[in-house]
Each structure stands twice: as C-alpha cells, then as structure tokens.
Amino acid sequence: MSTAGPLPLPEIALENDYVRVSRDKTPFAAVATDRVIVAVAPLSFMAGDALQNLERGEFFVFGPGDTYQLPSDASFFEVAIKPDHPPVKEPPEIIPPAKNTLLYEGERFFVYEESLNIGDVRPRHSHCQRVEIRLHNGPMLEQIFDAPRPPLQPGIVNWREPVIHTVRNVGDMPLRNLIVEFKP
C-alpha cells in the first residue's frame, strides 16, 4: 500500500501554436504578450504596484507591457497568448451564443463566462478558436454539430477549434466555464 500523496498536476496545462496555459506558474509574467490570470482559488497578487484580489473563476487581463507577481503557493492558470501565433481560424458563419456573459473584450480576444443550467439548451451558435477553463468539472453535455467532430475529451483546460453547434446540459450540475476566445 502506497502512502504517497496525489500526483502533482502538470505545470503546463495546455500548449499549442496559439497559447501556453501554465498551472500555478508564471513563465510569461515579464514577456511582452497578452496574458490572462484565472484564479482557481482565492488569490491576492501584485499587478504592477497594485494589490489585486480574485475569487475562484475570476480573472485579470495583462497587456504586453504589464507585469505581475503571484505567490508561489497560489492556485491559478496563466493563459499566455503567443505573439507569433498563426492566423485565427473561424467558423463558416458567426452566430453569437445565447446565455453567455461577456466579461472582457480586447482587440485580439474576449473573455466570457459560459453557463448552462441543468436541462437547459443553448441554441445553434458558433465559436472561433478558444481556450476553455472548466470551473465545474462534471456537467455532461449533448452537442449537435453542423459538421462531424471527433469526440470531446474534456479536461480542466481545453483547446477548442472553430465550431457551429447546439448544446444541451444533460448532466446533474450547472455548466460553468471561463472562455478566452480569439477574435477573427
């Protein structure tokens, strides 16, 4: 019988040509690029000369010239948008999603909270490429896609390609995700 604790979570939650999402580390804190800090637990940190306080699921956006220092024992994600990423892919039709809450809109991306109550349906809508951070890891979704898609293997942090779809929450808890979506 092992007495070892749980395995440590990987430092890099997601990386591709567009983003690098680090867990509990800030490798991009001094890099000249756009970054988003997402709190996994209550978080206090220095953004420039100002103290910032975030609750779970809240975020703070940093531009290319902004700096920050986070405590070494904090629980968060750093979403760094790679400055030399390929062109953003978009769906064949832009259809705004209903029932989402826009929280931040910048020049190159926007951040919103995606929520869907148990049994609720989000009608046909579309997305460009995006990072999904699941704040409730558990809701089961039924999705109907305009084009065939491979099965989704949801983790806590996911990369999503452009899509047009309809979504129904068929699980036993509300859906709550924080999304960083690229603008076309």
Protein backbone atom coordinates (compact mmCIF):
# COMPACT_ATOMS: atom_id res chain seq x y z
CA MET A 1 0.00 0.00 0.00
CA SER A 2 1.43 3.35 -1.05
CA THR A 3 1.46 6.28 1.35
CA ALA A 4 2.40 8.78 -1.34
CA GLY A 5 0.02 11.68 -1.85
CA PRO A 6 -1.71 12.51 -5.12
CA LEU A 7 0.48 13.04 -8.15
CA PRO A 8 1.36 16.70 -8.74
CA LEU A 9 -0.56 18.38 -11.55
CA PRO A 10 1.49 19.19 -14.66
CA GLU A 11 2.93 22.70 -14.82
CA ILE A 12 1.76 23.11 -18.43
CA ALA A 13 -1.99 22.53 -18.70
CA LEU A 14 -2.13 23.23 -22.45
CA GLU A 15 0.26 24.34 -25.17
CA ASN A 16 -0.11 24.75 -28.91
CA ASP A 17 0.86 27.30 -31.60
CA TYR A 18 -1.59 29.86 -30.16
CA VAL A 19 -1.36 29.68 -26.36
CA ARG A 20 0.50 28.27 -23.41
CA VAL A 21 -1.57 27.71 -20.29
CA SER A 22 0.56 27.19 -17.18
CA ARG A 23 -0.76 25.96 -13.85
CA ASP A 24 0.45 27.73 -10.68
CA LYS A 25 3.48 29.17 -12.53
CA THR A 26 4.05 32.45 -14.36
CA PRO A 27 6.65 31.85 -17.08
CA PHE A 28 5.15 34.71 -19.13
CA ALA A 29 4.95 37.30 -16.30
CA ALA A 30 7.60 39.50 -17.92
CA VAL A 31 7.00 38.58 -21.57
CA ALA A 32 5.64 41.19 -23.96
CA THR A 33 2.38 39.43 -24.83
CA ASP A 34 -1.25 39.32 -23.75
CA ARG A 35 -1.89 37.15 -20.66
CA VAL A 36 -4.88 36.23 -18.53
CA ILE A 37 -4.58 35.06 -14.92
CA VAL A 38 -7.53 32.87 -13.85
CA ALA A 39 -7.98 32.15 -10.12
CA VAL A 40 -8.63 28.50 -9.20
CA ALA A 41 -8.92 29.51 -5.52
CA PRO A 42 -8.99 32.94 -3.80
CA LEU A 43 -5.91 34.80 -4.96
CA SER A 44 -4.11 38.01 -3.93
CA PHE A 45 -1.22 39.25 -6.06
CA MET A 46 0.66 42.32 -7.23
CA ALA A 47 -0.22 43.70 -10.66
CA GLY A 48 2.34 46.42 -11.25
CA ASP A 49 2.18 48.41 -7.99
CA ALA A 50 -1.41 47.50 -7.09
CA LEU A 51 -2.71 44.62 -4.99
CA GLN A 52 -5.39 42.57 -6.77
CA ASN A 53 -7.81 40.10 -5.16
CA LEU A 54 -9.65 37.46 -7.15
CA GLU A 55 -12.14 34.75 -6.18
CA ARG A 56 -12.33 31.36 -7.86
CA GLY A 57 -13.25 31.78 -11.52
CA GLU A 58 -12.34 35.47 -11.63
CA PHE A 59 -9.56 36.69 -13.92
CA PHE A 60 -7.25 39.58 -14.64
CA VAL A 61 -6.02 40.57 -18.14
CA PHE A 62 -2.49 41.84 -18.75
CA GLY A 63 -1.24 43.54 -21.90
CA PRO A 64 2.25 43.29 -23.39
CA GLY A 65 3.80 45.92 -21.10
CA ASP A 66 2.14 44.84 -17.84
CA THR A 67 3.93 42.96 -15.05
CA TYR A 68 2.76 40.86 -12.12
CA GLN A 69 3.99 38.75 -9.23
CA LEU A 70 1.97 35.83 -7.90
CA PRO A 71 2.66 33.95 -4.67
CA SER A 72 4.37 30.56 -5.03
CA ASP A 73 1.60 28.78 -3.10
CA ALA A 74 -1.30 30.17 -5.18
CA SER A 75 -3.69 28.16 -7.36
CA PHE A 76 -4.29 29.73 -10.78
CA PHE A 77 -3.82 29.42 -14.54
CA GLU A 78 -1.70 31.77 -16.63
CA VAL A 79 -3.07 31.90 -20.19
CA ALA A 80 -0.36 33.40 -22.40
CA ILE A 81 -1.28 34.25 -25.98
CA LYS A 82 1.73 33.63 -28.18
CA PRO A 83 2.55 36.83 -30.07
CA ASP A 84 3.58 35.00 -33.26
CA HIS A 85 0.61 32.62 -33.45
CA PRO A 86 -0.85 31.58 -36.82
CA PRO A 87 -3.92 33.35 -38.19
CA VAL A 88 -7.07 32.74 -36.16
CA LYS A 89 -9.42 30.15 -37.62
CA GLU A 90 -13.11 30.95 -37.62
CA PRO A 91 -16.30 29.03 -38.35
CA PRO A 92 -18.03 29.45 -41.73
CA GLU A 93 -20.74 31.55 -40.02
CA ILE A 94 -20.57 33.81 -36.94
CA ILE A 95 -23.62 33.20 -34.70
CA PRO A 96 -23.42 34.76 -31.21
CA PRO A 97 -24.07 32.25 -28.40
CA ALA A 98 -27.05 32.96 -26.18
CA LYS A 99 -26.83 32.74 -22.38
CA ASN A 100 -23.12 33.60 -22.11
CA THR A 101 -21.85 36.62 -20.18
CA LEU A 102 -19.21 38.80 -21.84
CA LEU A 103 -16.69 39.81 -19.15
CA TYR A 104 -13.84 41.39 -21.15
CA GLU A 105 -13.36 42.49 -24.74
CA GLY A 106 -9.95 43.35 -26.12
CA GLU A 107 -8.52 43.94 -29.57
CA ARG A 108 -7.46 40.32 -30.22
CA PHE A 109 -9.60 38.23 -27.86
CA PHE A 110 -12.51 38.35 -25.46
CA VAL A 111 -13.32 36.54 -22.21
CA TYR A 112 -16.74 35.31 -21.23
CA GLU A 113 -18.42 33.03 -18.74
CA GLU A 114 -20.19 30.12 -20.35
CA SER A 115 -23.02 28.84 -18.18
CA LEU A 116 -25.87 26.47 -18.80
CA ASN A 117 -28.31 25.22 -16.17
CA ILE A 118 -29.28 21.56 -15.86
CA GLY A 119 -31.57 20.61 -18.76
CA ASP A 120 -31.05 23.96 -20.48
CA VAL A 121 -30.25 24.29 -24.21
CA ARG A 122 -28.01 26.83 -25.92
CA PRO A 123 -29.43 27.18 -29.47
CA ARG A 124 -27.26 26.87 -32.57
CA HIS A 125 -24.25 29.19 -32.29
CA SER A 126 -20.61 29.38 -33.31
CA HIS A 127 -17.14 29.95 -31.87
CA CYS A 128 -13.70 30.80 -33.17
CA GLN A 129 -10.65 29.10 -31.66
CA ARG A 130 -10.66 29.30 -27.87
CA VAL A 131 -9.32 28.15 -24.52
CA GLU A 132 -11.90 26.63 -22.17
CA ILE A 133 -11.26 26.50 -18.43
CA ARG A 134 -13.86 24.33 -16.71
CA LEU A 135 -14.88 25.82 -13.36
CA HIS A 136 -17.38 22.99 -12.71
CA ASN A 137 -15.70 19.82 -13.90
CA GLY A 138 -18.58 17.44 -14.32
CA PRO A 139 -21.61 18.56 -16.37
CA MET A 140 -22.49 16.18 -19.19
CA LEU A 141 -23.27 17.92 -22.47
CA GLU A 142 -25.14 16.72 -25.51
CA GLN A 143 -23.81 18.55 -28.55
CA ILE A 144 -25.16 18.61 -32.09
CA PHE A 145 -22.55 19.82 -34.58
CA ASP A 146 -23.11 21.26 -38.05
CA ALA A 147 -20.05 19.28 -39.24
CA PRO A 148 -18.74 15.93 -37.95
CA ARG A 149 -16.37 16.34 -34.97
CA PRO A 150 -14.17 13.94 -33.05
CA PRO A 151 -15.45 13.09 -29.54
CA LEU A 152 -14.56 15.67 -26.90
CA GLN A 153 -12.34 14.56 -24.04
CA PRO A 154 -12.92 17.40 -21.58
CA GLY A 155 -10.24 18.17 -19.06
CA ILE A 156 -9.95 21.20 -16.83
CA VAL A 157 -8.24 23.22 -19.60
CA ASN A 158 -9.16 22.56 -23.23
CA TRP A 159 -8.38 23.96 -26.67
CA ARG A 160 -11.37 24.17 -28.96
CA GLU A 161 -11.30 24.63 -32.73
CA PRO A 162 -13.97 26.65 -34.61
CA VAL A 163 -17.41 25.11 -34.45
CA ILE A 164 -21.09 25.65 -35.07
CA HIS A 165 -23.22 23.63 -32.64
CA THR A 166 -26.21 23.35 -30.31
CA VAL A 167 -25.59 22.35 -26.68
CA ARG A 168 -27.84 20.79 -24.01
CA ASN A 169 -26.77 20.23 -20.39
CA VAL A 170 -27.83 16.63 -19.71
CA GLY A 171 -25.76 16.38 -16.52
CA ASP A 172 -26.61 16.77 -12.85
CA MET A 173 -24.89 20.13 -12.28
CA PRO A 174 -24.78 23.53 -14.00
CA LEU A 175 -22.12 24.15 -16.62
CA ARG A 176 -19.72 26.96 -15.72
CA ASN A 177 -16.65 27.66 -17.85
CA LEU A 178 -14.40 30.64 -18.40
CA ILE A 179 -13.56 31.05 -22.09
CA VAL A 180 -10.77 33.05 -23.75
CA GLU A 181 -11.84 33.24 -27.41
CA PHE A 182 -9.83 34.71 -30.26
CA LYS A 183 -11.39 37.32 -32.48
CA PRO A 184 -11.43 36.60 -36.24
